[in-house]
Amino acid sequence: MSSELSQPISLAAALASFDDLWSPRIVTAVNDYDVRVAKVEGEHVWHVHDHTDEFFLVLDGELTIALREPDGERTVVLPRGSVFTVPRGTEHKPIAPSGASLLLFEPTGTLSVGDHHDEVPAHVDVTTGHALG
C-alpha cells in the first residue's frame, strides 16, 4: 500500500462502493496481509487453504461456515460482530442464506477459493482481492 493511502478508511463506504457478491475488495494491508471486505449471499464453495489460516469478522448479517474436520463435519454460526478463524488445512464452505458483509484477514495473494476446491460456481469470484475503486 502506498503512503498516500495512509488515511482512515470507512468500512461502510468501502462496502457501498461495490455490489459484487463473493468478490472481496482490499481495503488496506498490514505487513504481508490484506484486509479485505466482501458482500456475500448464498453458498461459496468447499475449499482449503494449505498454508494459511483464514480470519472472518461478520460486519453485518450472519455467516455460517461448514467445516470438514478430522472428527467429522460441523458448522459454526457467526452473527454480526463475531469472529472466527478457520485453521489452515481445514476444508470449509462459507454460507450466508440471508446475506452478510465480512472483513477478512489473509496473506497477500491468497486466492478466495483456496489451494484446492470443488468446482467453482459462476457466482463466486476466483480472486486474490480487487482494489477499492
N, C-alpha and C. Protein backbone atom coordinates (compact mmCIF):
# COMPACT_ATOMS: atom_id res chain seq x y z
N MET A 1 0.84 -1.17 0.00
CA MET A 1 0.00 0.00 0.00
C MET A 1 0.89 1.24 0.00
N SER A 2 0.52 2.20 -0.76
CA SER A 2 1.33 3.41 -0.85
C SER A 2 0.99 4.36 0.29
N SER A 3 1.93 5.28 0.56
CA SER A 3 1.77 6.17 1.71
C SER A 3 0.58 7.12 1.55
N GLU A 4 0.20 7.46 0.30
CA GLU A 4 -0.94 8.37 0.14
C GLU A 4 -2.25 7.71 0.59
N LEU A 5 -2.24 6.41 0.79
CA LEU A 5 -3.45 5.74 1.26
C LEU A 5 -3.48 5.62 2.79
N SER A 6 -2.52 6.22 3.47
CA SER A 6 -2.48 6.10 4.92
C SER A 6 -3.44 7.09 5.58
N GLN A 7 -4.70 6.96 5.22
CA GLN A 7 -5.78 7.76 5.78
C GLN A 7 -6.83 6.78 6.33
N PRO A 8 -7.64 7.24 7.26
CA PRO A 8 -8.70 6.36 7.75
C PRO A 8 -9.60 5.90 6.60
N ILE A 9 -10.07 4.67 6.72
CA ILE A 9 -10.93 4.08 5.70
C ILE A 9 -12.25 3.70 6.35
N SER A 10 -13.33 4.21 5.80
CA SER A 10 -14.67 3.86 6.27
C SER A 10 -15.05 2.50 5.68
N LEU A 11 -15.27 1.52 6.54
CA LEU A 11 -15.70 0.21 6.02
C LEU A 11 -17.07 0.31 5.37
N ALA A 12 -17.95 1.16 5.91
CA ALA A 12 -19.27 1.34 5.30
C ALA A 12 -19.13 1.89 3.89
N ALA A 13 -18.26 2.89 3.71
CA ALA A 13 -18.04 3.46 2.37
C ALA A 13 -17.39 2.44 1.45
N ALA A 14 -16.45 1.66 1.96
CA ALA A 14 -15.80 0.63 1.15
C ALA A 14 -16.83 -0.38 0.66
N LEU A 15 -17.71 -0.83 1.56
CA LEU A 15 -18.74 -1.80 1.18
C LEU A 15 -19.76 -1.19 0.22
N ALA A 16 -20.04 0.10 0.37
CA ALA A 16 -21.01 0.77 -0.50
C ALA A 16 -20.46 1.00 -1.91
N SER A 17 -19.15 0.84 -2.09
CA SER A 17 -18.53 1.14 -3.37
C SER A 17 -18.64 0.02 -4.40
N PHE A 18 -19.20 -1.14 -4.01
CA PHE A 18 -19.35 -2.24 -4.95
C PHE A 18 -20.57 -3.09 -4.57
N ASP A 19 -21.07 -3.83 -5.56
CA ASP A 19 -22.23 -4.69 -5.33
C ASP A 19 -21.94 -6.18 -5.54
N ASP A 20 -20.80 -6.50 -6.13
CA ASP A 20 -20.48 -7.90 -6.46
C ASP A 20 -20.44 -8.76 -5.20
N LEU A 21 -21.04 -9.95 -5.30
CA LEU A 21 -21.02 -10.90 -4.20
C LEU A 21 -19.83 -11.84 -4.34
N TRP A 22 -19.33 -12.31 -3.20
CA TRP A 22 -18.20 -13.25 -3.15
C TRP A 22 -17.01 -12.73 -3.97
N SER A 23 -16.77 -11.42 -3.92
CA SER A 23 -15.71 -10.77 -4.69
C SER A 23 -15.03 -9.73 -3.80
N PRO A 24 -14.11 -10.17 -2.94
CA PRO A 24 -13.54 -9.28 -1.92
C PRO A 24 -12.74 -8.11 -2.49
N ARG A 25 -12.79 -7.00 -1.74
CA ARG A 25 -12.03 -5.79 -2.05
C ARG A 25 -10.98 -5.58 -0.97
N ILE A 26 -9.80 -5.18 -1.36
CA ILE A 26 -8.71 -4.95 -0.42
C ILE A 26 -8.81 -3.51 0.09
N VAL A 27 -9.00 -3.35 1.40
CA VAL A 27 -9.14 -2.00 1.95
C VAL A 27 -7.82 -1.46 2.49
N THR A 28 -6.93 -2.34 2.91
CA THR A 28 -5.62 -1.94 3.40
C THR A 28 -4.74 -3.18 3.52
N ALA A 29 -3.49 -2.96 3.87
CA ALA A 29 -2.56 -4.07 4.11
C ALA A 29 -1.91 -3.87 5.47
N VAL A 30 -1.62 -4.98 6.13
CA VAL A 30 -0.90 -4.99 7.40
C VAL A 30 0.25 -5.96 7.22
N ASN A 31 1.46 -5.43 7.16
CA ASN A 31 2.64 -6.24 6.86
C ASN A 31 2.40 -6.98 5.55
N ASP A 32 2.41 -8.29 5.55
CA ASP A 32 2.21 -9.07 4.32
C ASP A 32 0.80 -9.63 4.23
N TYR A 33 -0.15 -8.97 4.89
CA TYR A 33 -1.53 -9.43 4.91
C TYR A 33 -2.45 -8.39 4.30
N ASP A 34 -3.48 -8.86 3.59
CA ASP A 34 -4.53 -7.99 3.09
C ASP A 34 -5.69 -7.99 4.08
N VAL A 35 -6.27 -6.83 4.26
CA VAL A 35 -7.54 -6.70 4.96
C VAL A 35 -8.57 -6.49 3.87
N ARG A 36 -9.50 -7.42 3.74
CA ARG A 36 -10.48 -7.39 2.65
C ARG A 36 -11.88 -7.29 3.22
N VAL A 37 -12.76 -6.66 2.45
CA VAL A 37 -14.18 -6.68 2.78
C VAL A 37 -14.91 -7.38 1.63
N ALA A 38 -16.01 -8.04 1.98
CA ALA A 38 -16.78 -8.76 0.97
C ALA A 38 -18.24 -8.74 1.34
N LYS A 39 -19.07 -8.70 0.30
CA LYS A 39 -20.50 -8.92 0.44
C LYS A 39 -20.75 -10.35 -0.01
N VAL A 40 -21.53 -11.07 0.75
CA VAL A 40 -21.78 -12.47 0.42
C VAL A 40 -23.25 -12.79 0.58
N GLU A 41 -23.72 -13.74 -0.22
CA GLU A 41 -25.08 -14.26 -0.09
C GLU A 41 -25.12 -15.60 -0.78
N GLY A 42 -25.84 -16.55 -0.19
CA GLY A 42 -25.88 -17.89 -0.74
C GLY A 42 -24.67 -18.69 -0.28
N GLU A 43 -24.23 -19.61 -1.13
CA GLU A 43 -23.13 -20.51 -0.76
C GLU A 43 -21.87 -20.20 -1.55
N HIS A 44 -20.75 -20.34 -0.90
CA HIS A 44 -19.43 -20.24 -1.54
C HIS A 44 -19.13 -21.62 -2.10
N VAL A 45 -17.93 -22.11 -1.96
CA VAL A 45 -17.53 -23.42 -2.47
C VAL A 45 -16.67 -24.08 -1.40
N TRP A 46 -16.75 -25.41 -1.30
CA TRP A 46 -15.84 -26.12 -0.40
C TRP A 46 -14.43 -25.85 -0.89
N HIS A 47 -13.56 -25.42 0.03
CA HIS A 47 -12.17 -25.16 -0.34
C HIS A 47 -11.28 -25.26 0.89
N VAL A 48 -9.97 -25.28 0.63
CA VAL A 48 -8.99 -25.37 1.72
C VAL A 48 -7.79 -24.50 1.38
N HIS A 49 -7.26 -23.85 2.41
CA HIS A 49 -6.01 -23.09 2.29
C HIS A 49 -4.93 -23.93 2.98
N ASP A 50 -3.98 -24.44 2.20
CA ASP A 50 -2.96 -25.34 2.74
C ASP A 50 -2.01 -24.66 3.71
N HIS A 51 -1.70 -23.38 3.48
CA HIS A 51 -0.59 -22.75 4.21
C HIS A 51 -0.99 -21.55 5.06
N THR A 52 -2.28 -21.25 5.15
CA THR A 52 -2.66 -20.10 5.96
C THR A 52 -4.02 -20.31 6.61
N ASP A 53 -4.17 -19.74 7.79
CA ASP A 53 -5.47 -19.66 8.43
C ASP A 53 -6.29 -18.60 7.69
N GLU A 54 -7.62 -18.61 7.91
CA GLU A 54 -8.48 -17.59 7.31
C GLU A 54 -9.34 -16.98 8.41
N PHE A 55 -9.23 -15.65 8.55
CA PHE A 55 -9.92 -14.91 9.61
C PHE A 55 -11.18 -14.25 9.05
N PHE A 56 -12.30 -14.44 9.72
CA PHE A 56 -13.59 -13.84 9.34
C PHE A 56 -14.09 -12.96 10.48
N LEU A 57 -14.56 -11.75 10.15
CA LEU A 57 -15.29 -10.88 11.07
C LEU A 57 -16.58 -10.51 10.35
N VAL A 58 -17.72 -10.82 10.97
CA VAL A 58 -19.01 -10.51 10.37
C VAL A 58 -19.39 -9.09 10.76
N LEU A 59 -19.43 -8.21 9.75
CA LEU A 59 -19.77 -6.80 9.97
C LEU A 59 -21.27 -6.59 10.00
N ASP A 60 -22.00 -7.38 9.21
CA ASP A 60 -23.45 -7.25 9.13
C ASP A 60 -24.01 -8.59 8.67
N GLY A 61 -25.20 -8.91 9.11
CA GLY A 61 -25.83 -10.17 8.72
C GLY A 61 -25.32 -11.33 9.55
N GLU A 62 -25.40 -12.51 8.98
CA GLU A 62 -24.98 -13.73 9.67
C GLU A 62 -24.30 -14.66 8.68
N LEU A 63 -23.20 -15.27 9.11
CA LEU A 63 -22.45 -16.21 8.27
C LEU A 63 -22.39 -17.55 8.96
N THR A 64 -22.61 -18.60 8.19
CA THR A 64 -22.40 -19.96 8.67
C THR A 64 -21.18 -20.50 7.92
N ILE A 65 -20.31 -21.19 8.63
CA ILE A 65 -19.17 -21.83 7.98
C ILE A 65 -19.25 -23.32 8.26
N ALA A 66 -19.39 -24.09 7.18
CA ALA A 66 -19.35 -25.54 7.30
C ALA A 66 -17.88 -25.96 7.29
N LEU A 67 -17.53 -26.89 8.17
CA LEU A 67 -16.15 -27.34 8.32
C LEU A 67 -16.07 -28.85 8.20
N ARG A 68 -15.06 -29.33 7.51
CA ARG A 68 -14.76 -30.77 7.46
C ARG A 68 -13.48 -30.97 8.25
N GLU A 69 -13.64 -31.52 9.45
CA GLU A 69 -12.52 -31.70 10.37
C GLU A 69 -12.24 -33.18 10.57
N PRO A 70 -11.09 -33.53 11.18
CA PRO A 70 -10.78 -34.95 11.38
C PRO A 70 -11.87 -35.74 12.09
N ASP A 71 -12.60 -35.08 13.01
CA ASP A 71 -13.67 -35.75 13.74
C ASP A 71 -15.00 -35.74 13.02
N GLY A 72 -15.04 -35.14 11.81
CA GLY A 72 -16.28 -35.09 11.05
C GLY A 72 -16.65 -33.67 10.67
N GLU A 73 -17.84 -33.53 10.12
CA GLU A 73 -18.31 -32.21 9.69
C GLU A 73 -19.03 -31.51 10.83
N ARG A 74 -18.90 -30.19 10.87
CA ARG A 74 -19.66 -29.36 11.80
C ARG A 74 -19.85 -28.00 11.16
N THR A 75 -20.74 -27.22 11.75
CA THR A 75 -20.94 -25.85 11.28
C THR A 75 -20.80 -24.90 12.46
N VAL A 76 -20.31 -23.70 12.16
CA VAL A 76 -20.29 -22.63 13.16
C VAL A 76 -21.13 -21.50 12.60
N VAL A 77 -21.86 -20.84 13.48
CA VAL A 77 -22.72 -19.72 13.08
C VAL A 77 -22.11 -18.46 13.68
N LEU A 78 -21.92 -17.46 12.82
CA LEU A 78 -21.32 -16.21 13.23
C LEU A 78 -22.32 -15.08 13.04
N PRO A 79 -22.97 -14.62 14.11
CA PRO A 79 -23.83 -13.45 13.99
C PRO A 79 -22.98 -12.18 13.85
N ARG A 80 -23.62 -11.09 13.54
CA ARG A 80 -22.92 -9.80 13.40
C ARG A 80 -22.03 -9.54 14.61
N GLY A 81 -20.80 -9.11 14.34
CA GLY A 81 -19.85 -8.80 15.40
C GLY A 81 -18.99 -9.97 15.83
N SER A 82 -19.23 -11.15 15.26
CA SER A 82 -18.47 -12.34 15.64
C SER A 82 -17.24 -12.54 14.76
N VAL A 83 -16.21 -13.15 15.34
CA VAL A 83 -15.02 -13.51 14.60
C VAL A 83 -14.80 -15.02 14.69
N PHE A 84 -14.14 -15.55 13.66
CA PHE A 84 -13.80 -16.97 13.64
C PHE A 84 -12.60 -17.15 12.73
N THR A 85 -11.69 -18.02 13.12
CA THR A 85 -10.54 -18.34 12.29
C THR A 85 -10.63 -19.80 11.87
N VAL A 86 -10.61 -20.03 10.55
CA VAL A 86 -10.56 -21.38 10.02
C VAL A 86 -9.08 -21.77 9.96
N PRO A 87 -8.70 -22.84 10.67
CA PRO A 87 -7.28 -23.22 10.66
C PRO A 87 -6.82 -23.70 9.28
N ARG A 88 -5.57 -23.41 8.97
CA ARG A 88 -5.00 -23.88 7.71
C ARG A 88 -5.22 -25.38 7.56
N GLY A 89 -5.45 -25.81 6.34
CA GLY A 89 -5.64 -27.23 6.07
C GLY A 89 -7.03 -27.74 6.36
N THR A 90 -7.95 -26.88 6.82
CA THR A 90 -9.32 -27.30 7.13
C THR A 90 -10.23 -26.95 5.97
N GLU A 91 -10.86 -27.97 5.39
CA GLU A 91 -11.80 -27.71 4.30
C GLU A 91 -13.03 -27.02 4.88
N HIS A 92 -13.49 -25.97 4.19
CA HIS A 92 -14.61 -25.19 4.71
C HIS A 92 -15.41 -24.57 3.57
N LYS A 93 -16.66 -24.20 3.91
CA LYS A 93 -17.56 -23.57 2.94
C LYS A 93 -18.39 -22.53 3.66
N PRO A 94 -18.14 -21.24 3.37
CA PRO A 94 -18.97 -20.18 3.93
C PRO A 94 -20.35 -20.15 3.27
N ILE A 95 -21.37 -19.86 4.08
CA ILE A 95 -22.76 -19.82 3.62
C ILE A 95 -23.44 -18.63 4.30
N ALA A 96 -24.17 -17.84 3.51
CA ALA A 96 -24.92 -16.71 4.07
C ALA A 96 -26.29 -16.66 3.40
N PRO A 97 -27.24 -17.47 3.88
CA PRO A 97 -28.55 -17.54 3.22
C PRO A 97 -29.24 -16.19 3.07
N SER A 98 -29.09 -15.31 4.06
CA SER A 98 -29.76 -14.01 4.01
C SER A 98 -28.80 -12.87 3.72
N GLY A 99 -27.57 -13.19 3.39
CA GLY A 99 -26.58 -12.16 3.07
C GLY A 99 -25.81 -11.70 4.29
N ALA A 100 -24.57 -11.25 4.04
CA ALA A 100 -23.71 -10.75 5.11
C ALA A 100 -22.62 -9.89 4.50
N SER A 101 -22.03 -9.06 5.35
CA SER A 101 -20.85 -8.29 4.98
C SER A 101 -19.72 -8.74 5.90
N LEU A 102 -18.55 -8.99 5.31
CA LEU A 102 -17.45 -9.59 6.05
C LEU A 102 -16.19 -8.76 5.95
N LEU A 103 -15.33 -8.90 6.95
CA LEU A 103 -13.96 -8.44 6.88
C LEU A 103 -13.09 -9.68 6.99
N LEU A 104 -12.14 -9.83 6.07
CA LEU A 104 -11.26 -10.99 6.01
C LEU A 104 -9.82 -10.53 6.17
N PHE A 105 -9.01 -11.34 6.80
CA PHE A 105 -7.60 -11.03 7.02
C PHE A 105 -6.80 -12.23 6.53
N GLU A 106 -6.05 -12.04 5.43
CA GLU A 106 -5.33 -13.15 4.81
C GLU A 106 -4.02 -12.67 4.21
N PRO A 107 -3.02 -13.56 4.09
CA PRO A 107 -1.77 -13.15 3.44
C PRO A 107 -2.04 -12.63 2.03
N THR A 108 -1.34 -11.57 1.65
CA THR A 108 -1.46 -11.01 0.31
C THR A 108 -1.24 -12.12 -0.71
N GLY A 109 -2.12 -12.17 -1.72
CA GLY A 109 -2.01 -13.18 -2.76
C GLY A 109 -2.82 -14.43 -2.52
N THR A 110 -3.50 -14.54 -1.37
CA THR A 110 -4.32 -15.71 -1.07
C THR A 110 -5.56 -15.72 -1.96
N LEU A 111 -5.77 -16.83 -2.67
CA LEU A 111 -6.94 -16.97 -3.53
C LEU A 111 -8.21 -17.15 -2.71
N SER A 112 -9.29 -16.55 -3.17
CA SER A 112 -10.58 -16.64 -2.48
C SER A 112 -11.13 -18.06 -2.45
N VAL A 113 -10.64 -18.93 -3.32
CA VAL A 113 -11.10 -20.32 -3.35
C VAL A 113 -10.03 -21.29 -2.85
N GLY A 114 -9.01 -20.77 -2.20
CA GLY A 114 -8.00 -21.61 -1.58
C GLY A 114 -7.09 -22.31 -2.57
N ASP A 115 -6.36 -23.29 -2.06
CA ASP A 115 -5.41 -24.06 -2.86
C ASP A 115 -6.07 -25.25 -3.55
N HIS A 116 -7.12 -25.76 -2.96
CA HIS A 116 -7.90 -26.88 -3.51
C HIS A 116 -9.36 -26.55 -3.30
N HIS A 117 -10.21 -26.87 -4.29
CA HIS A 117 -11.62 -26.52 -4.16
C HIS A 117 -12.46 -27.39 -5.07
N ASP A 118 -13.75 -27.44 -4.74
CA ASP A 118 -14.73 -28.06 -5.62
C ASP A 118 -14.88 -27.18 -6.85
N GLU A 119 -15.67 -27.62 -7.81
CA GLU A 119 -15.95 -26.79 -8.99
C GLU A 119 -16.52 -25.45 -8.54
N VAL A 120 -15.98 -24.38 -9.11
CA VAL A 120 -16.37 -23.03 -8.68
C VAL A 120 -17.60 -22.58 -9.47
N PRO A 121 -18.70 -22.29 -8.76
CA PRO A 121 -19.91 -21.80 -9.45
C PRO A 121 -19.69 -20.39 -10.00
N ALA A 122 -20.50 -20.01 -10.96
CA ALA A 122 -20.33 -18.73 -11.65
C ALA A 122 -20.45 -17.53 -10.71
N HIS A 123 -21.18 -17.66 -9.60
CA HIS A 123 -21.37 -16.51 -8.71
C HIS A 123 -20.20 -16.27 -7.75
N VAL A 124 -19.17 -17.13 -7.78
CA VAL A 124 -18.01 -16.98 -6.91
C VAL A 124 -16.84 -16.47 -7.74
N ASP A 125 -16.25 -15.36 -7.31
CA ASP A 125 -15.12 -14.74 -7.98
C ASP A 125 -13.82 -15.40 -7.50
N VAL A 126 -13.06 -15.96 -8.43
CA VAL A 126 -11.75 -16.52 -8.10
C VAL A 126 -10.75 -15.35 -8.18
N THR A 127 -10.32 -14.86 -7.02
CA THR A 127 -9.51 -13.65 -6.99
C THR A 127 -8.59 -13.63 -5.79
N THR A 128 -7.55 -12.83 -5.86
CA THR A 128 -6.71 -12.54 -4.69
C THR A 128 -7.15 -11.21 -4.07
N GLY A 129 -8.30 -10.72 -4.48
CA GLY A 129 -8.85 -9.47 -3.98
C GLY A 129 -8.70 -8.37 -5.02
N HIS A 130 -9.70 -7.50 -5.09
CA HIS A 130 -9.70 -6.38 -6.00
C HIS A 130 -9.43 -5.09 -5.23
N ALA A 131 -8.81 -4.13 -5.89
CA ALA A 131 -8.60 -2.82 -5.27
C ALA A 131 -9.94 -2.12 -5.12
N LEU A 132 -10.05 -1.32 -4.08
CA LEU A 132 -11.24 -0.47 -3.96
C LEU A 132 -11.23 0.53 -5.09
N GLY A 133 -12.38 0.86 -5.60
CA GLY A 133 -12.31 1.83 -6.66
C GLY A 133 -13.57 2.21 -7.22
